[in-house]
Amino acid sequence: MHESGIAQRIVEVALERAREAGAARVTALHVELGLKAGFSTESVTSRLEEASRGTIVEGARIHFVPTTDPRALRLVSIDVEDPPERTA
């Protein structure tokens, strides 16, 4: 799978997790990127920004976390914003 496809899948997983959490918005993506994955942080960031346009992931900060898997490129976790509480 190429970089754009992986970025699209990361956004899809983030959306699934956000939906499960009942989140209004995803505020951060925590992504593992191995040293031998073949991608730079800049290119992954750009592809994730493109893939998230028009979704609740758009505008989320992207944090790259250390990994022992040299070929990793995967979503580890997300930070979310809860929807506002409803008032009666």
N, C-alpha and C. Protein backbone atom coordinates (compact mmCIF):
# COMPACT_ATOMS: atom_id res chain seq x y z
N MET A 1 0.86 -1.18 0.00
CA MET A 1 0.00 0.00 0.00
C MET A 1 0.90 1.24 0.00
N HIS A 2 0.58 2.21 -0.79
CA HIS A 2 1.41 3.42 -0.83
C HIS A 2 1.00 4.41 0.26
N GLU A 3 1.77 5.46 0.37
CA GLU A 3 1.63 6.44 1.45
C GLU A 3 0.23 7.04 1.57
N SER A 4 -0.37 7.44 0.44
CA SER A 4 -1.71 8.03 0.49
C SER A 4 -2.74 7.03 0.98
N GLY A 5 -2.60 5.78 0.55
CA GLY A 5 -3.52 4.74 1.00
C GLY A 5 -3.39 4.46 2.49
N ILE A 6 -2.17 4.47 2.98
CA ILE A 6 -1.94 4.26 4.41
C ILE A 6 -2.52 5.43 5.20
N ALA A 7 -2.29 6.65 4.72
CA ALA A 7 -2.84 7.83 5.40
C ALA A 7 -4.36 7.77 5.44
N GLN A 8 -4.97 7.36 4.33
CA GLN A 8 -6.43 7.24 4.29
C GLN A 8 -6.91 6.23 5.32
N ARG A 9 -6.21 5.10 5.42
CA ARG A 9 -6.59 4.07 6.39
C ARG A 9 -6.42 4.56 7.82
N ILE A 10 -5.36 5.31 8.10
CA ILE A 10 -5.16 5.87 9.44
C ILE A 10 -6.32 6.80 9.79
N VAL A 11 -6.74 7.62 8.86
CA VAL A 11 -7.88 8.53 9.11
C VAL A 11 -9.15 7.72 9.33
N GLU A 12 -9.37 6.67 8.55
CA GLU A 12 -10.56 5.83 8.73
C GLU A 12 -10.58 5.20 10.13
N VAL A 13 -9.43 4.71 10.58
CA VAL A 13 -9.36 4.11 11.91
C VAL A 13 -9.61 5.18 12.98
N ALA A 14 -9.04 6.36 12.79
CA ALA A 14 -9.28 7.46 13.74
C ALA A 14 -10.76 7.81 13.80
N LEU A 15 -11.42 7.84 12.65
CA LEU A 15 -12.86 8.13 12.62
C LEU A 15 -13.66 7.04 13.34
N GLU A 16 -13.28 5.78 13.14
CA GLU A 16 -13.97 4.67 13.82
C GLU A 16 -13.81 4.80 15.33
N ARG A 17 -12.60 5.07 15.78
CA ARG A 17 -12.35 5.22 17.22
C ARG A 17 -13.09 6.41 17.80
N ALA A 18 -13.12 7.52 17.06
CA ALA A 18 -13.84 8.71 17.52
C ALA A 18 -15.34 8.43 17.62
N ARG A 19 -15.87 7.74 16.64
CA ARG A 19 -17.29 7.40 16.65
C ARG A 19 -17.61 6.51 17.86
N GLU A 20 -16.75 5.52 18.11
CA GLU A 20 -16.94 4.63 19.27
C GLU A 20 -16.92 5.41 20.58
N ALA A 21 -16.10 6.46 20.63
CA ALA A 21 -15.97 7.27 21.85
C ALA A 21 -17.05 8.35 21.94
N GLY A 22 -17.85 8.52 20.89
CA GLY A 22 -18.86 9.56 20.88
C GLY A 22 -18.26 10.95 20.80
N ALA A 23 -17.10 11.06 20.18
CA ALA A 23 -16.36 12.33 20.13
C ALA A 23 -16.92 13.28 19.08
N ALA A 24 -16.79 14.56 19.39
CA ALA A 24 -17.19 15.60 18.44
C ALA A 24 -16.09 15.89 17.44
N ARG A 25 -14.85 15.70 17.89
CA ARG A 25 -13.71 16.04 17.05
C ARG A 25 -12.47 15.28 17.52
N VAL A 26 -11.60 14.96 16.57
CA VAL A 26 -10.30 14.38 16.89
C VAL A 26 -9.30 15.53 16.97
N THR A 27 -8.63 15.66 18.10
CA THR A 27 -7.70 16.78 18.28
C THR A 27 -6.24 16.38 18.05
N ALA A 28 -5.93 15.09 18.13
CA ALA A 28 -4.56 14.65 17.89
C ALA A 28 -4.53 13.20 17.42
N LEU A 29 -3.57 12.93 16.55
CA LEU A 29 -3.27 11.57 16.11
C LEU A 29 -1.88 11.24 16.62
N HIS A 30 -1.72 10.06 17.20
CA HIS A 30 -0.42 9.58 17.66
C HIS A 30 -0.04 8.43 16.73
N VAL A 31 1.01 8.63 15.96
CA VAL A 31 1.37 7.73 14.87
C VAL A 31 2.79 7.20 15.06
N GLU A 32 2.93 5.88 14.91
CA GLU A 32 4.26 5.29 14.89
C GLU A 32 4.79 5.36 13.47
N LEU A 33 6.04 5.79 13.35
CA LEU A 33 6.72 5.85 12.06
C LEU A 33 8.13 5.31 12.25
N GLY A 34 8.36 4.11 11.75
CA GLY A 34 9.66 3.48 11.89
C GLY A 34 10.71 4.14 11.01
N LEU A 35 11.96 4.00 11.40
CA LEU A 35 13.06 4.62 10.67
C LEU A 35 13.24 4.05 9.27
N LYS A 36 12.78 2.82 9.05
CA LYS A 36 12.92 2.19 7.74
C LYS A 36 11.58 2.02 7.03
N ALA A 37 10.59 2.81 7.43
CA ALA A 37 9.27 2.72 6.81
C ALA A 37 9.27 3.27 5.39
N GLY A 38 10.26 4.10 5.09
CA GLY A 38 10.36 4.64 3.74
C GLY A 38 9.63 5.96 3.55
N PHE A 39 9.18 6.57 4.65
CA PHE A 39 8.44 7.83 4.57
C PHE A 39 9.03 8.84 5.54
N SER A 40 8.94 10.11 5.19
CA SER A 40 9.38 11.16 6.10
C SER A 40 8.19 11.66 6.92
N THR A 41 8.47 12.27 8.06
CA THR A 41 7.38 12.82 8.87
C THR A 41 6.63 13.90 8.08
N GLU A 42 7.37 14.68 7.29
CA GLU A 42 6.73 15.74 6.50
C GLU A 42 5.75 15.18 5.47
N SER A 43 6.15 14.12 4.78
CA SER A 43 5.26 13.56 3.76
C SER A 43 4.06 12.87 4.38
N VAL A 44 4.26 12.18 5.51
CA VAL A 44 3.13 11.53 6.20
C VAL A 44 2.17 12.60 6.71
N THR A 45 2.70 13.66 7.28
CA THR A 45 1.86 14.76 7.78
C THR A 45 1.02 15.33 6.64
N SER A 46 1.65 15.59 5.51
CA SER A 46 0.95 16.14 4.36
C SER A 46 -0.17 15.22 3.88
N ARG A 47 0.12 13.93 3.80
CA ARG A 47 -0.89 12.96 3.33
C ARG A 47 -2.04 12.83 4.34
N LEU A 48 -1.72 12.87 5.63
CA LEU A 48 -2.77 12.80 6.65
C LEU A 48 -3.66 14.04 6.60
N GLU A 49 -3.05 15.19 6.39
CA GLU A 49 -3.84 16.43 6.27
C GLU A 49 -4.78 16.35 5.07
N GLU A 50 -4.29 15.84 3.95
CA GLU A 50 -5.13 15.68 2.75
C GLU A 50 -6.27 14.69 3.01
N ALA A 51 -5.95 13.56 3.61
CA ALA A 51 -6.94 12.51 3.84
C ALA A 51 -8.01 12.91 4.85
N SER A 52 -7.68 13.84 5.74
CA SER A 52 -8.64 14.21 6.79
C SER A 52 -9.53 15.39 6.43
N ARG A 53 -9.29 16.02 5.30
CA ARG A 53 -10.10 17.18 4.92
C ARG A 53 -11.59 16.85 4.92
N GLY A 54 -12.37 17.74 5.52
CA GLY A 54 -13.81 17.56 5.55
C GLY A 54 -14.33 16.57 6.57
N THR A 55 -13.43 16.09 7.45
CA THR A 55 -13.84 15.13 8.48
C THR A 55 -13.58 15.75 9.86
N ILE A 56 -14.01 15.05 10.90
CA ILE A 56 -13.75 15.53 12.26
C ILE A 56 -12.29 15.35 12.67
N VAL A 57 -11.49 14.77 11.79
CA VAL A 57 -10.06 14.62 12.03
C VAL A 57 -9.29 15.84 11.50
N GLU A 58 -9.91 16.59 10.60
CA GLU A 58 -9.23 17.75 9.99
C GLU A 58 -8.74 18.70 11.08
N GLY A 59 -7.49 19.11 10.98
CA GLY A 59 -6.90 20.04 11.94
C GLY A 59 -6.28 19.38 13.16
N ALA A 60 -6.38 18.05 13.25
CA ALA A 60 -5.78 17.35 14.40
C ALA A 60 -4.26 17.49 14.36
N ARG A 61 -3.66 17.65 15.53
CA ARG A 61 -2.20 17.64 15.62
C ARG A 61 -1.72 16.22 15.35
N ILE A 62 -0.56 16.12 14.75
CA ILE A 62 0.01 14.81 14.45
C ILE A 62 1.29 14.66 15.25
N HIS A 63 1.31 13.65 16.11
CA HIS A 63 2.47 13.38 16.95
C HIS A 63 3.07 12.05 16.51
N PHE A 64 4.35 12.06 16.22
CA PHE A 64 5.04 10.83 15.88
C PHE A 64 5.67 10.28 17.14
N VAL A 65 5.38 9.01 17.43
CA VAL A 65 5.84 8.39 18.67
C VAL A 65 6.91 7.35 18.35
N PRO A 66 7.85 7.17 19.27
CA PRO A 66 8.92 6.19 19.05
C PRO A 66 8.37 4.78 18.90
N THR A 67 9.05 3.99 18.12
CA THR A 67 8.67 2.60 17.94
C THR A 67 9.91 1.74 17.78
N THR A 68 9.80 0.48 18.16
CA THR A 68 10.90 -0.45 17.95
C THR A 68 10.75 -1.17 16.62
N ASP A 69 9.61 -1.00 15.96
CA ASP A 69 9.37 -1.62 14.65
C ASP A 69 9.89 -0.69 13.56
N PRO A 70 10.99 -1.03 12.92
CA PRO A 70 11.60 -0.11 11.96
C PRO A 70 10.73 0.17 10.73
N ARG A 71 9.77 -0.67 10.43
CA ARG A 71 8.94 -0.49 9.23
C ARG A 71 7.52 0.02 9.54
N ALA A 72 7.29 0.37 10.78
CA ALA A 72 5.94 0.77 11.22
C ALA A 72 5.48 2.09 10.62
N LEU A 73 4.22 2.12 10.27
CA LEU A 73 3.49 3.34 9.98
C LEU A 73 2.05 3.02 10.34
N ARG A 74 1.68 3.37 11.58
CA ARG A 74 0.34 3.02 12.04
C ARG A 74 -0.12 3.97 13.14
N LEU A 75 -1.44 4.04 13.27
CA LEU A 75 -2.07 4.84 14.31
C LEU A 75 -1.99 4.11 15.63
N VAL A 76 -1.50 4.80 16.65
CA VAL A 76 -1.41 4.22 17.98
C VAL A 76 -2.62 4.63 18.81
N SER A 77 -2.93 5.92 18.81
CA SER A 77 -4.06 6.41 19.58
C SER A 77 -4.50 7.77 19.06
N ILE A 78 -5.64 8.22 19.57
CA ILE A 78 -6.16 9.54 19.22
C ILE A 78 -6.53 10.29 20.49
N ASP A 79 -6.54 11.61 20.41
CA ASP A 79 -7.11 12.46 21.45
C ASP A 79 -8.38 13.04 20.84
N VAL A 80 -9.41 13.16 21.66
CA VAL A 80 -10.69 13.64 21.14
C VAL A 80 -11.26 14.76 21.99
N GLU A 81 -12.19 15.46 21.39
CA GLU A 81 -12.96 16.49 22.07
C GLU A 81 -14.38 15.95 22.18
N ASP A 82 -14.92 15.96 23.38
CA ASP A 82 -16.28 15.48 23.57
C ASP A 82 -17.27 16.50 23.05
N PRO A 83 -18.44 16.00 22.63
CA PRO A 83 -19.47 16.94 22.19
C PRO A 83 -19.98 17.76 23.38
N PRO A 84 -20.48 18.97 23.13
CA PRO A 84 -21.02 19.76 24.24
C PRO A 84 -22.20 19.04 24.88
N GLU A 85 -22.33 19.22 26.18
CA GLU A 85 -23.44 18.58 26.88
C GLU A 85 -24.75 19.28 26.50
N ARG A 86 -25.76 18.47 26.36
CA ARG A 86 -27.08 19.02 26.02
C ARG A 86 -27.74 19.58 27.27
N THR A 87 -28.40 20.69 27.12
CA THR A 87 -29.16 21.25 28.23
C THR A 87 -30.64 21.13 27.90
N ALA A 88 -31.41 20.87 28.90
CA ALA A 88 -32.85 20.66 28.69
C ALA A 88 -33.60 21.96 28.70
